Protein backbone atom coordinates (compact mmCIF):
# COMPACT_ATOMS: atom_id res chain seq x y z
CA MET A 1 49.06 101.68 135.00
CA PHE A 2 48.03 98.75 132.79
CA HIS A 3 47.22 95.29 134.15
CA ASP A 4 45.75 92.07 132.77
CA TRP A 5 42.28 93.03 133.98
CA ASN A 6 42.48 96.29 131.98
CA ILE A 7 42.59 94.48 128.63
CA GLY A 8 39.71 95.68 126.48
CA GLN A 9 39.30 98.97 128.35
CA ALA A 10 40.13 102.41 126.95
CA LYS A 11 43.61 103.61 127.88
CA SER A 12 42.33 107.06 128.81
CA THR A 13 39.83 105.54 131.27
CA ILE A 14 42.54 103.45 132.93
CA ALA A 15 44.92 106.41 133.09
CA ALA A 16 42.25 108.62 134.68
CA SER A 17 41.50 105.94 137.26
CA ALA A 18 45.20 105.47 138.08
CA ALA A 19 45.72 109.24 138.45
CA ALA A 20 42.68 109.58 140.69
CA SER A 21 44.01 106.81 142.94
CA ILE A 22 47.17 108.89 143.45
CA ASN A 23 45.37 112.18 144.03
CA SER A 24 41.69 112.01 144.94
CA GLN A 25 41.40 115.82 144.54
CA LEU A 26 42.18 115.60 140.83
CA LYS A 27 39.27 116.40 138.54
CA ILE A 28 39.69 114.54 135.28
CA GLU A 29 37.38 113.45 132.47
CA ALA A 30 38.43 110.52 130.28
CA LEU A 31 37.49 110.79 126.59
CA GLN A 32 38.01 108.52 123.59
CA ASN A 33 38.09 111.11 120.80
CA CYS A 34 40.42 111.08 117.82
CA VAL A 35 42.75 114.08 117.89
CA GLY A 36 42.07 116.20 114.82
CA PRO A 37 39.90 118.94 113.25
CA GLU A 38 36.77 116.78 113.54
CA ILE A 39 36.66 117.21 117.34
CA GLU A 40 36.84 121.02 117.43
CA SER A 41 33.26 121.10 118.71
CA VAL A 42 34.61 119.37 121.85
CA PHE A 43 38.02 121.05 122.09
CA ASN A 44 36.81 124.47 121.02
CA ASP A 45 38.29 127.96 121.25
CA ALA A 46 37.36 128.32 124.92
CA PHE A 47 39.12 125.05 125.74
CA TRP A 48 42.39 126.13 124.13
CA GLU A 49 42.26 129.68 125.44
CA ASN A 50 41.85 128.46 129.03
CA LEU A 51 44.66 125.92 128.75
CA THR A 52 47.87 126.39 130.71
CA VAL A 53 50.03 123.80 128.96
CA ALA A 54 49.56 120.83 126.61
CA ILE A 55 51.47 117.59 127.16
CA ASN A 56 51.43 115.19 124.21
CA ALA A 57 51.53 111.41 124.46
CA LEU A 58 50.24 110.68 120.97
CA ASP A 59 50.89 107.71 118.71
CA ASN A 60 50.90 109.26 115.23
CA VAL A 61 52.45 112.23 113.46
CA ASP A 62 49.19 113.72 112.11
CA ALA A 63 47.77 114.07 115.63
CA ARG A 64 51.04 115.58 116.86
CA LEU A 65 51.04 118.13 114.05
CA TYR A 66 47.43 119.04 114.78
CA VAL A 67 48.07 119.71 118.49
CA ASP A 68 51.23 121.58 117.53
CA GLN A 69 49.23 123.88 115.22
CA ARG A 70 46.56 124.46 117.87
CA CYS A 71 49.19 125.35 120.48
CA LEU A 72 50.91 127.58 117.94
CA TYR A 73 47.64 129.31 117.11
CA PHE A 74 46.54 129.85 120.70
CA GLN A 75 50.12 130.50 121.86
CA LYS A 76 50.18 127.74 124.45
CA PRO A 77 53.25 125.81 125.67
CA LEU A 78 53.52 122.24 124.41
CA ILE A 79 55.71 119.46 125.78
CA GLU A 80 56.04 116.96 122.96
CA SER A 81 57.34 113.46 123.62
CA GLY A 82 57.45 110.06 121.98
CA THR A 83 58.90 106.58 122.20
CA LEU A 84 59.90 104.10 119.52
CA GLY A 85 61.10 100.82 120.94
CA ALA A 86 64.24 101.61 122.92
CA LYS A 87 64.29 105.22 121.69
CA CYS A 88 62.57 108.20 123.28
CA ASN A 89 62.57 111.94 122.81
CA THR A 90 61.10 115.11 124.28
CA GLN A 91 60.77 118.55 122.68
CA MET A 92 59.90 121.87 124.27
CA VAL A 93 57.55 124.11 122.28
CA ILE A 94 57.34 127.43 124.17
CA PRO A 95 55.47 130.48 122.79
CA TYR A 96 57.82 133.05 121.24
CA LEU A 97 60.92 131.29 122.62
CA THR A 98 61.27 128.09 120.57
CA GLU A 99 60.44 126.74 117.15
CA ASN A 100 57.34 124.57 116.91
CA TYR A 101 57.20 120.79 116.41
CA GLY A 102 56.09 121.01 112.77
CA VAL A 103 59.15 122.99 111.65
CA SER A 104 61.33 119.87 111.49
CA ARG A 105 60.26 116.47 110.16
CA ASP A 106 61.87 113.05 110.25
CA PRO A 107 63.05 111.72 106.86
CA PRO A 108 60.67 109.19 105.25
CA GLU A 109 61.31 105.53 105.99
CA LYS A 110 63.17 103.57 103.34
CA GLN A 111 60.85 101.20 101.49
CA ALA A 112 61.51 98.10 99.42
CA PRO A 113 61.33 98.60 95.62
CA MET A 114 57.87 97.86 94.23
CA CYS A 115 59.16 95.21 91.83
CA THR A 116 60.61 93.33 94.82
CA VAL A 117 57.35 93.57 96.77
CA HIS A 118 55.16 92.56 93.82
CA SER A 119 57.18 89.82 92.16
CA PHE A 120 60.46 89.04 93.91
CA PRO A 121 60.03 89.05 97.70
CA HIS A 122 62.83 87.53 99.72
CA ASN A 123 61.71 88.15 103.32
CA ILE A 124 58.45 88.18 105.26
CA ASP A 125 58.41 91.99 105.45
CA HIS A 126 58.05 92.11 101.67
CA CYS A 127 55.16 89.62 101.85
CA LEU A 128 53.40 91.61 104.57
CA THR A 129 53.87 94.90 102.70
CA TRP A 130 52.31 93.28 99.65
CA ALA A 131 49.49 91.82 101.77
CA ARG A 132 48.69 95.21 103.32
CA SER A 133 48.67 96.79 99.86
CA GLU A 134 46.31 94.12 98.48
CA PHE A 135 44.02 94.47 101.49
CA GLU A 136 43.73 98.21 100.98
CA GLY A 137 43.30 97.87 97.22
CA LEU A 138 40.57 95.21 97.35
CA LEU A 139 38.62 96.28 100.41
CA GLU A 140 39.18 100.03 100.79
CA LYS A 141 40.32 101.78 97.62
CA THR A 142 38.25 99.85 95.06
CA PRO A 143 34.94 100.16 97.01
CA ALA A 144 35.68 103.85 97.56
CA GLU A 145 36.27 104.28 93.80
CA VAL A 146 33.01 102.44 93.09
CA ASN A 147 31.11 104.81 95.38
CA ALA A 148 32.77 107.87 93.86
CA CYS A 149 31.80 106.65 90.40
CA LEU A 150 28.20 105.84 91.36
CA SER A 151 27.65 109.02 93.38
CA ASN A 152 28.55 111.38 90.53
CA PRO A 153 29.05 109.40 87.29
CA VAL A 154 29.34 112.42 84.97
CA GLU A 155 31.95 114.20 87.06
CA TYR A 156 33.84 110.95 87.65
CA ALA A 157 33.93 110.12 83.93
CA THR A 158 35.19 113.63 83.17
CA SER A 159 37.98 113.32 85.73
CA MET A 160 39.06 109.97 84.26
CA ARG A 161 39.14 111.41 80.72
CA ASN A 162 41.10 114.44 81.91
CA ALA A 163 43.63 112.23 83.69
CA ALA A 164 43.93 109.86 80.72
CA ASP A 165 46.79 107.93 82.29
CA ALA A 166 47.57 104.38 83.37
CA GLN A 167 46.25 105.04 86.88
CA ALA A 168 42.85 106.13 85.54
CA LYS A 169 42.74 103.01 83.37
CA ASP A 170 43.57 100.82 86.37
CA ASN A 171 40.85 102.48 88.46
CA LEU A 172 38.20 101.88 85.82
CA GLU A 173 39.28 98.28 85.28
CA ARG A 174 39.06 97.60 89.03
CA ILE A 175 35.59 99.18 89.23
CA LEU A 176 34.33 97.13 86.29
CA LYS A 177 35.80 93.94 87.68
CA CYS A 178 34.16 94.64 91.04
CA LEU A 179 30.72 95.45 89.63
CA ASP A 180 30.66 92.93 86.79
CA ARG A 181 32.55 89.64 87.12
CA GLY A 182 33.32 90.12 90.82
CA LYS A 183 29.93 91.42 91.98
CA CYS A 184 28.63 89.43 94.96
CA GLU A 185 24.95 88.98 95.82
CA THR A 186 25.16 85.96 98.13
CA PHE A 187 27.73 84.68 100.59
CA GLN A 188 28.49 81.81 98.20
CA ASP A 189 29.51 84.47 95.67
CA CYS A 190 31.93 85.82 98.30
CA VAL A 191 33.38 82.34 98.84
CA THR A 192 33.78 81.96 95.08
CA TRP A 193 35.54 85.32 94.89
CA ALA A 194 37.91 84.36 97.73
CA ARG A 195 38.70 80.98 96.14
CA LEU A 196 39.48 82.61 92.78
CA ARG A 197 41.64 85.18 94.56
CA PHE A 198 43.66 82.33 96.04
CA GLU A 199 44.11 80.80 92.58
CA ASP A 200 45.12 84.15 91.09
CA TYR A 201 47.58 85.13 93.83
CA PHE A 202 49.29 81.87 94.69
CA VAL A 203 48.93 79.77 91.56
CA ASN A 204 48.36 81.68 88.32
CA ARG A 205 50.64 84.65 89.02
CA ILE A 206 53.45 82.31 90.04
CA LYS A 207 52.98 80.16 86.92
CA GLN A 208 53.05 83.29 84.77
CA LEU A 209 56.20 84.51 86.54
CA LYS A 210 57.92 81.15 85.90
CA PHE A 211 56.74 81.23 82.28
CA THR A 212 58.15 84.76 81.77
CA PHE A 213 61.35 84.05 83.72
CA PRO A 214 62.16 80.29 83.67
CA GLU A 215 64.54 78.88 86.24
CA ASP A 216 67.42 79.01 83.75
CA ALA A 217 66.67 82.62 82.63
CA ALA A 218 69.61 84.99 82.32
CA THR A 219 69.98 88.78 82.50
CA SER A 220 71.21 90.96 79.62
CA THR A 221 74.75 90.48 80.93
CA GLY A 222 74.45 86.71 80.95
CA ALA A 223 74.22 86.34 84.74
CA PRO A 224 71.55 84.01 86.16
CA PHE A 225 68.29 85.92 86.58
CA TRP A 226 67.28 83.95 89.69
CA SER A 227 70.32 84.82 91.75
CA ALA A 228 70.31 86.01 95.37
CA PRO A 229 68.44 87.74 96.81
CA LYS A 230 65.76 86.59 94.33
CA ARG A 231 64.04 83.32 95.26
CA PHE A 232 62.65 81.03 92.57
CA PRO A 233 58.91 80.59 93.34
CA HIS A 234 56.63 77.55 93.21
CA PRO A 235 52.86 77.58 92.66
CA LEU A 236 50.68 76.05 95.35
CA GLN A 237 47.84 73.55 95.14
CA PHE A 238 44.73 74.61 97.06
CA SER A 239 43.65 72.16 99.73
CA ALA A 240 40.49 72.51 101.82
CA VAL A 241 42.13 70.43 104.55
CA ASP A 242 45.02 72.89 104.89
CA PRO A 243 44.05 75.15 107.84
CA SER A 244 45.91 78.18 106.47
CA HIS A 245 44.20 77.88 103.06
CA LEU A 246 40.75 77.59 104.60
CA GLN A 247 41.45 80.42 107.06
CA PHE A 248 42.36 82.67 104.13
CA ILE A 249 39.09 81.77 102.36
CA MET A 250 37.10 82.43 105.53
CA ALA A 251 38.64 85.85 106.25
CA ALA A 252 38.52 86.98 102.61
CA SER A 253 34.90 85.89 102.06
CA ILE A 254 33.69 87.50 105.32
CA LEU A 255 35.35 90.83 104.47
CA ARG A 256 34.12 90.68 100.88
CA ALA A 257 30.61 90.14 102.21
CA GLU A 258 31.02 93.17 104.45
CA THR A 259 31.87 95.42 101.50
CA PHE A 260 28.66 94.30 99.73
CA ASP A 261 26.58 94.37 102.95
CA ILE A 262 25.83 90.63 102.68
CA PRO A 263 24.91 88.76 105.89
CA VAL A 264 27.49 86.19 107.01
CA PRO A 265 25.86 82.75 107.52
CA ASP A 266 26.65 80.22 110.23
CA LEU A 267 28.65 78.05 107.83
CA VAL A 268 31.75 80.16 108.55
CA LYS A 269 31.64 78.79 112.09
CA ASN A 270 32.02 75.27 110.75
CA PRO A 271 35.21 74.41 108.82
CA LYS A 272 33.58 71.37 107.20
CA MET A 273 30.63 73.38 105.85
CA LEU A 274 32.96 76.12 104.63
CA ALA A 275 35.13 73.52 102.88
CA GLU A 276 32.03 72.16 101.14
CA ALA A 277 31.14 75.66 99.95
CA VAL A 278 34.66 76.07 98.56
CA GLU A 279 34.49 72.75 96.72
CA LYS A 280 31.51 74.06 94.73
CA VAL A 281 33.67 76.72 93.09
CA ILE A 282 34.68 76.03 89.49
CA VAL A 283 38.26 77.16 88.95
CA PRO A 284 39.28 77.81 85.30
CA ASP A 285 42.49 76.30 83.98
CA PHE A 286 45.46 78.65 83.69
CA GLN A 287 46.89 79.59 80.32
CA PRO A 288 50.19 81.56 80.31
CA LYS A 289 50.34 84.78 78.28
CA GLU A 290 53.20 85.65 75.96
CA ASP A 291 52.98 89.45 76.17
CA VAL A 292 52.88 89.95 79.95
CA LYS A 293 55.39 92.53 81.21
CA ILE A 294 56.73 92.09 84.74
CA ALA A 295 58.72 94.97 86.21
CA THR A 296 62.28 94.08 87.25
CA ASP A 297 63.84 97.56 87.47
CA GLU A 298 63.98 98.78 91.09
CA LYS A 299 64.03 102.42 89.92
CA ALA A 300 61.19 102.12 87.42
CA THR A 301 58.16 104.37 87.86
CA ARG A 302 54.68 104.36 86.40
CA SER A 303 54.71 105.62 82.82
CA ALA A 304 52.62 108.54 81.66
CA GLY A 305 49.39 108.10 79.73
CA SER A 306 49.39 107.27 76.04
CA VAL A 307 46.98 107.47 73.12
CA ASP A 308 46.14 103.81 73.71
CA ASP A 309 45.23 104.61 77.33
CA VAL A 310 42.80 107.32 76.18
CA ALA A 311 41.06 104.90 73.80
CA VAL A 312 40.88 102.17 76.44
CA ILE A 313 39.50 104.62 79.03
CA ASN A 314 36.68 105.62 76.68
CA GLN A 315 35.82 101.95 76.07
CA LEU A 316 35.88 101.22 79.80
CA LEU A 317 33.57 104.17 80.51
CA LEU A 318 31.05 102.83 77.97
CA LYS A 319 31.13 99.40 79.62
CA LEU A 320 30.81 101.02 83.02
CA GLU A 321 27.73 102.94 81.87
CA LEU A 322 26.06 99.67 80.84
CA CYS A 323 27.07 98.04 84.09
CA ARG A 324 25.72 100.94 86.16
CA ASN A 325 22.33 100.68 84.44
CA ASN A 326 21.94 97.19 85.94
CA LEU A 327 22.40 98.50 89.48
CA SER A 328 19.85 100.15 91.73
CA SER A 329 20.35 103.87 92.29
CA GLU A 330 20.86 103.22 96.02
CA PHE A 331 23.63 100.64 95.54
CA ARG A 332 26.83 101.53 97.36
CA MET A 333 29.73 99.51 98.71
CA LYS A 334 31.26 99.71 102.16
CA PRO A 335 35.02 100.45 102.10
CA ILE A 336 36.97 98.77 104.91
CA GLN A 337 39.95 100.48 106.52
CA PHE A 338 42.60 98.21 108.00
CA GLU A 339 42.16 98.06 111.76
CA LYS A 340 44.90 96.37 113.72
CA GLU A 341 43.57 96.79 117.26
CA ILE A 342 40.21 94.99 117.57
CA PHE A 343 40.25 92.30 120.24
CA CYS A 344 37.73 89.52 120.86
CA SER A 345 37.32 85.76 120.38
CA TYR A 346 33.89 85.31 118.81
CA TYR A 347 34.74 82.46 116.43
CA ASP A 348 37.48 80.89 118.51
CA ASN A 349 35.49 77.98 119.94
CA TRP A 350 34.29 76.72 116.57
CA TRP A 351 37.77 76.66 115.05
CA LYS A 352 40.01 75.38 117.86
CA ASN A 353 39.38 71.75 116.98
CA PHE A 354 40.43 72.47 113.40
CA GLY A 355 43.82 73.74 114.51
CA LEU A 356 43.05 77.41 113.88
CA ARG A 357 43.19 80.27 116.35
CA LEU A 358 41.25 83.48 115.84
CA ASP A 359 42.03 84.81 119.31
CA ASP A 360 41.82 88.52 118.91
CA ASP A 361 40.48 89.70 115.59
CA THR A 362 36.75 89.47 114.97
CA SER A 363 37.29 92.07 112.27
CA PHE A 364 39.37 89.40 110.40
CA HIS A 365 41.64 92.17 109.11
CA VAL A 366 44.81 90.69 110.58
CA ASP A 367 43.65 87.16 109.66
CA LEU A 368 43.44 88.12 106.00
CA ILE A 369 46.75 89.96 105.94
CA ALA A 370 48.54 87.18 107.80
CA GLY A 371 47.00 84.61 105.43
CA LEU A 372 47.98 86.58 102.33
CA ALA A 373 51.56 87.07 103.57
CA ASN A 374 52.19 83.54 104.85
CA ILE A 375 50.79 81.76 101.82
CA ARG A 376 52.82 84.05 99.56
CA ALA A 377 55.86 83.31 101.73
CA ARG A 378 55.22 79.62 101.08
CA ASN A 379 55.38 80.36 97.33
CA TYR A 380 58.92 81.68 97.78
CA SER A 381 60.11 79.31 100.56
CA ILE A 382 60.26 82.22 103.03
CA PRO A 383 59.80 81.42 106.75
CA GLU A 384 56.26 82.20 107.87
CA VAL A 385 55.22 84.18 110.98
CA ASP A 386 52.41 83.88 113.49
CA LYS A 387 49.49 86.31 113.53
CA LEU A 388 50.92 88.45 116.31
CA LYS A 389 54.16 89.02 114.39
CA ALA A 390 52.15 89.70 111.24
CA LYS A 391 50.09 92.28 113.13
CA LEU A 392 53.22 94.01 114.43
CA ILE A 393 54.84 94.26 111.00
CA ALA A 394 51.75 95.01 108.88
CA GLY A 395 50.43 97.48 111.45
CA ARG A 396 53.91 99.00 111.73
CA ILE A 397 53.74 98.44 115.49
CA ILE A 398 56.98 98.70 117.42
CA PRO A 399 56.51 97.24 120.91
CA ALA A 400 56.68 99.76 123.71
CA ILE A 401 59.38 99.36 126.33
CA ALA A 402 58.40 100.53 129.80
CA THR A 403 61.92 101.74 130.52
CA ALA A 404 61.90 104.02 127.46
CA THR A 405 58.50 105.38 128.48
CA ALA A 406 59.79 106.11 131.99
CA MET A 407 62.87 107.74 130.50
CA ALA A 408 60.67 110.11 128.42
CA THR A 409 58.41 110.84 131.37
CA GLY A 410 61.30 112.10 133.50
CA PRO A 411 62.43 114.97 131.22
CA VAL A 412 58.80 115.86 130.51
CA CYS A 413 58.11 116.37 134.22
CA LEU A 414 61.37 118.28 134.76
CA GLU A 415 60.56 120.66 131.91
CA LEU A 416 56.97 121.00 133.13
CA TYR A 417 58.29 122.59 136.36
CA LYS A 418 60.01 125.23 134.23
CA VAL A 419 56.87 125.93 132.19
CA LEU A 420 54.70 126.36 135.28
CA ASP A 421 57.35 128.46 137.00
CA GLY A 422 57.50 130.77 133.97
CA ALA A 423 59.89 133.66 133.18
CA HIS A 424 62.57 131.43 131.67
CA LYS A 425 64.92 132.07 128.75
CA VAL A 426 65.14 129.79 125.73
CA GLU A 427 68.51 128.45 126.90
CA ASP A 428 66.88 127.20 130.12
CA TYR A 429 64.82 124.59 128.26
CA ARG A 430 66.13 121.24 127.07
CA ASN A 431 65.17 118.85 124.29
CA THR A 432 66.09 115.24 125.02
CA PHE A 433 66.89 112.22 122.90
CA ALA A 434 67.83 108.81 124.27
CA ASN A 435 68.46 105.38 122.82
CA LEU A 436 68.64 102.81 125.60
CA ALA A 437 69.91 100.15 123.21
CA LEU A 438 73.23 101.89 122.54
CA PRO A 439 73.07 103.54 125.16
CA LEU A 440 72.91 107.20 124.09
CA PHE A 441 71.63 110.15 126.13
CA SER A 442 71.60 113.62 124.57
CA MET A 443 70.20 116.91 125.89
CA ALA A 444 70.30 120.14 123.90
CA GLU A 445 69.02 123.68 124.25
CA ALA A 446 65.71 124.38 122.51
CA VAL A 447 65.94 126.14 119.12
CA PRO A 448 64.50 129.68 118.86
CA PRO A 449 62.03 130.54 116.05
CA LYS A 450 62.82 132.63 112.98
CA VAL A 451 62.13 136.36 113.56
CA LEU A 452 60.73 138.76 110.92
CA LYS A 453 60.90 142.57 111.37
CA HIS A 454 59.16 145.70 110.12
CA ARG A 455 59.78 149.12 111.61
CA ASP A 456 59.62 148.60 115.37
CA MET A 457 57.51 145.43 114.95
CA LYS A 458 58.78 141.87 115.22
CA TRP A 459 56.93 138.62 114.71
CA THR A 460 57.51 134.89 114.47
CA VAL A 461 55.47 131.85 113.57
CA TRP A 462 53.91 132.21 117.03
CA ASP A 463 52.22 135.52 116.27
CA ARG A 464 48.77 136.31 115.05
CA TRP A 465 47.46 139.83 115.15
CA VAL A 466 44.18 140.17 117.02
CA LEU A 467 41.49 142.75 116.28
CA ARG A 468 38.50 142.68 118.63
CA ASP A 469 35.10 144.43 118.69
CA ASN A 470 33.92 142.89 115.40
CA PRO A 471 35.85 145.13 112.96
CA THR A 472 34.88 146.08 109.40
CA LEU A 473 37.13 145.53 106.40
CA LYS A 474 37.93 149.24 106.40
CA GLN A 475 39.02 149.08 110.06
CA VAL A 476 41.36 146.15 109.33
CA ILE A 477 42.95 148.08 106.44
CA LYS A 478 43.21 151.26 108.55
CA TRP A 479 44.88 149.38 111.42
CA LEU A 480 47.49 147.96 109.04
CA LYS A 481 48.00 151.40 107.44
CA GLY A 482 48.80 152.79 110.86
CA ASN A 483 51.61 150.26 111.10
CA GLY A 484 53.08 151.16 107.70
CA LEU A 485 51.48 148.27 105.82
CA ASN A 486 49.32 148.74 102.72
CA ALA A 487 46.77 145.93 102.35
CA TYR A 488 45.75 145.23 98.75
CA SER A 489 44.09 141.83 99.18
CA ILE A 490 42.19 140.09 102.00
CA SER A 491 41.16 136.43 101.85
CA TYR A 492 39.32 133.91 103.98
CA GLY A 493 40.47 130.40 103.06
CA ASN A 494 40.19 130.17 99.28
CA CYS A 495 37.69 133.03 99.03
CA LEU A 496 38.78 136.54 98.07
CA LEU A 497 37.01 139.02 100.34
CA PHE A 498 38.62 142.21 99.07
CA ASN A 499 41.01 143.32 96.34
CA SER A 500 41.92 146.94 95.73
CA LEU A 501 41.87 146.39 91.94
CA PHE A 502 38.17 145.51 91.90
CA PRO A 503 35.97 148.65 92.15
CA ARG A 504 32.91 146.69 93.33
CA HIS A 505 34.87 145.36 96.31
CA ARG A 506 34.88 148.88 97.74
CA GLU A 507 31.18 148.42 98.52
CA ARG A 508 32.22 145.80 101.10
CA LEU A 509 34.56 148.06 103.08
CA ASP A 510 31.94 149.25 105.57
CA LYS A 511 30.70 145.70 106.27
CA LYS A 512 31.87 143.66 109.23
CA VAL A 513 34.47 141.06 108.30
CA VAL A 514 32.22 138.30 109.63
CA GLU A 515 29.34 139.54 107.45
CA VAL A 516 31.52 139.52 104.32
CA VAL A 517 32.72 135.99 105.13
CA ARG A 518 29.16 134.71 105.58
CA GLU A 519 27.87 136.46 102.46
CA PHE A 520 30.65 135.84 99.96
CA ALA A 521 32.58 132.84 101.34
CA LYS A 522 29.28 131.12 102.26
CA ALA A 523 30.94 130.02 105.49
CA GLU A 524 28.86 128.47 108.27
CA LEU A 525 30.54 129.61 111.47
CA PRO A 526 29.81 127.17 114.31
CA PRO A 527 28.42 128.49 117.61
CA TYR A 528 31.57 127.52 119.52
CA ARG A 529 33.72 129.76 117.29
CA SER A 530 34.23 133.34 118.48
CA HIS A 531 36.59 134.62 115.80
CA LEU A 532 37.83 134.02 112.29
CA ASP A 533 41.19 134.43 110.58
CA VAL A 534 41.88 136.33 107.40
CA SER A 535 45.03 136.34 105.31
CA VAL A 536 46.21 139.73 104.14
CA ALA A 537 48.56 140.44 101.25
CA CYS A 538 50.30 143.76 101.76
CA ASP A 539 53.46 145.74 101.09
CA ASP A 540 55.37 148.43 102.93
CA ASN A 541 55.63 152.07 101.91
CA GLU A 542 58.60 151.21 99.64
CA GLY A 543 56.53 148.64 97.73
CA ASN A 544 58.20 145.56 99.23
CA ASP A 545 55.86 142.59 99.82
CA MET A 546 55.55 141.69 103.48
CA ASP A 547 54.77 138.24 104.88
CA ILE A 548 52.64 139.04 107.92
CA PRO A 549 50.89 136.79 110.46
CA PRO A 550 47.20 135.88 110.10
CA ILE A 551 44.78 138.46 111.48
CA SER A 552 42.16 137.18 113.92
CA THR A 553 38.96 139.24 113.99
CA TYR A 554 36.76 138.55 117.01
CA TYR A 555 33.03 138.94 116.40
CA ARG A 556 31.77 137.52 119.73
């Protein structure tokens, strides 16, 4: 399917073209939409209702869960599949016969302790985890916090006072630092910020760490503190002739400029001119601090707020108020989300002669993360990695293996025959798991869903009860009463539409459900939606609470 000449094209476009070359009668439209609630105007009710079967080939869990919920809601078969390196799996999700994909979840991945990542890394994965965290903190989370603060300062200040914890204090300190000492108005300011970041990360923090824990430091038991796997670090000396140092400055300053909406000048295309801009930066001398606390406990967690935190938060809010008065009311920052898959070579020609390669990342996201990780690795004498390896680790990319993909495709197609043939029992379907590296091949019967019962009624997670012809609230309650269920509360989302304890709610009984939702829930129902779901709390005639499916009322 994919060839060298397809690089840069959308995968869906290539797949559609390949399928059409096999069968010219196939009618297929290639789209590049994210899979999620935001595209329900495209994949609307009519789309799902007219679907025969969904076949997933998605690359993230959130998208899988979304399609799973849509198939569950519209009672459509789903063939779920995935690959992870040499591993592959398929799962059958068949209406009323099997459990759905979202019932079971993989355990969370094990992560390195934060103290190891922040202060005592001993492999490149730790350095890249730290680099990704710093990227998100500096370029995504802090600008987003700034915008939240500037958009609604009163509400934001109230939320910080209510939280009154160390996290709130950290947020305010980062906002102040960004808008006060770190505020950038020119690209030279961005270069200065990047140069001072280098000094902070790779010089001052290492000097402070060595000051707090000298090379001959010992633990409480008398054992050497700097024993394996800990690596004793060494501060670096910035050099404008070191390609990796200058590449870090370039990527950091360009991205910083992007967050402040500052144009990037041509000097970034010229290493010599960029080096001259860096040389203009005045770097303060470092002075170690006696009272700095550096976490060493792998099980330690963030402590709760204290009285001191509350006092500091109030002081920070006062400073922030003064700082905000010096900004225009329209000032906002641009948060940057890490993007690992942007390919181009815009700056490549200018930098090749300097020994740098910027082959595939005009966003400079991977450049910055690779620079952060590799220079930090140099602090700790950890072997460095190239940008491709950095992209794979930081982006959590596990290379696809064509054999594993083919292995998953086989069971998917075999099970698809069963779905299209219909009239099968749950034991006829198979879930598959394979690990080609072992090798391990396992096939198991699909698992049926949990069944709930009431009188002669049965339902599972697959069910929703449908009432057509635009019913009123009274008609919904009467229909449930006829099935031995006494409804005492009806809700739409977080809005209470009806409760039997409230006398004034009885005035709503003769209104259509859709009218009550529009009037009291203030819901704007899009034109592509033909029904809405309400949640009903009810009990049986013996007073036992019953957990019933959602009720879909069709108004179109």
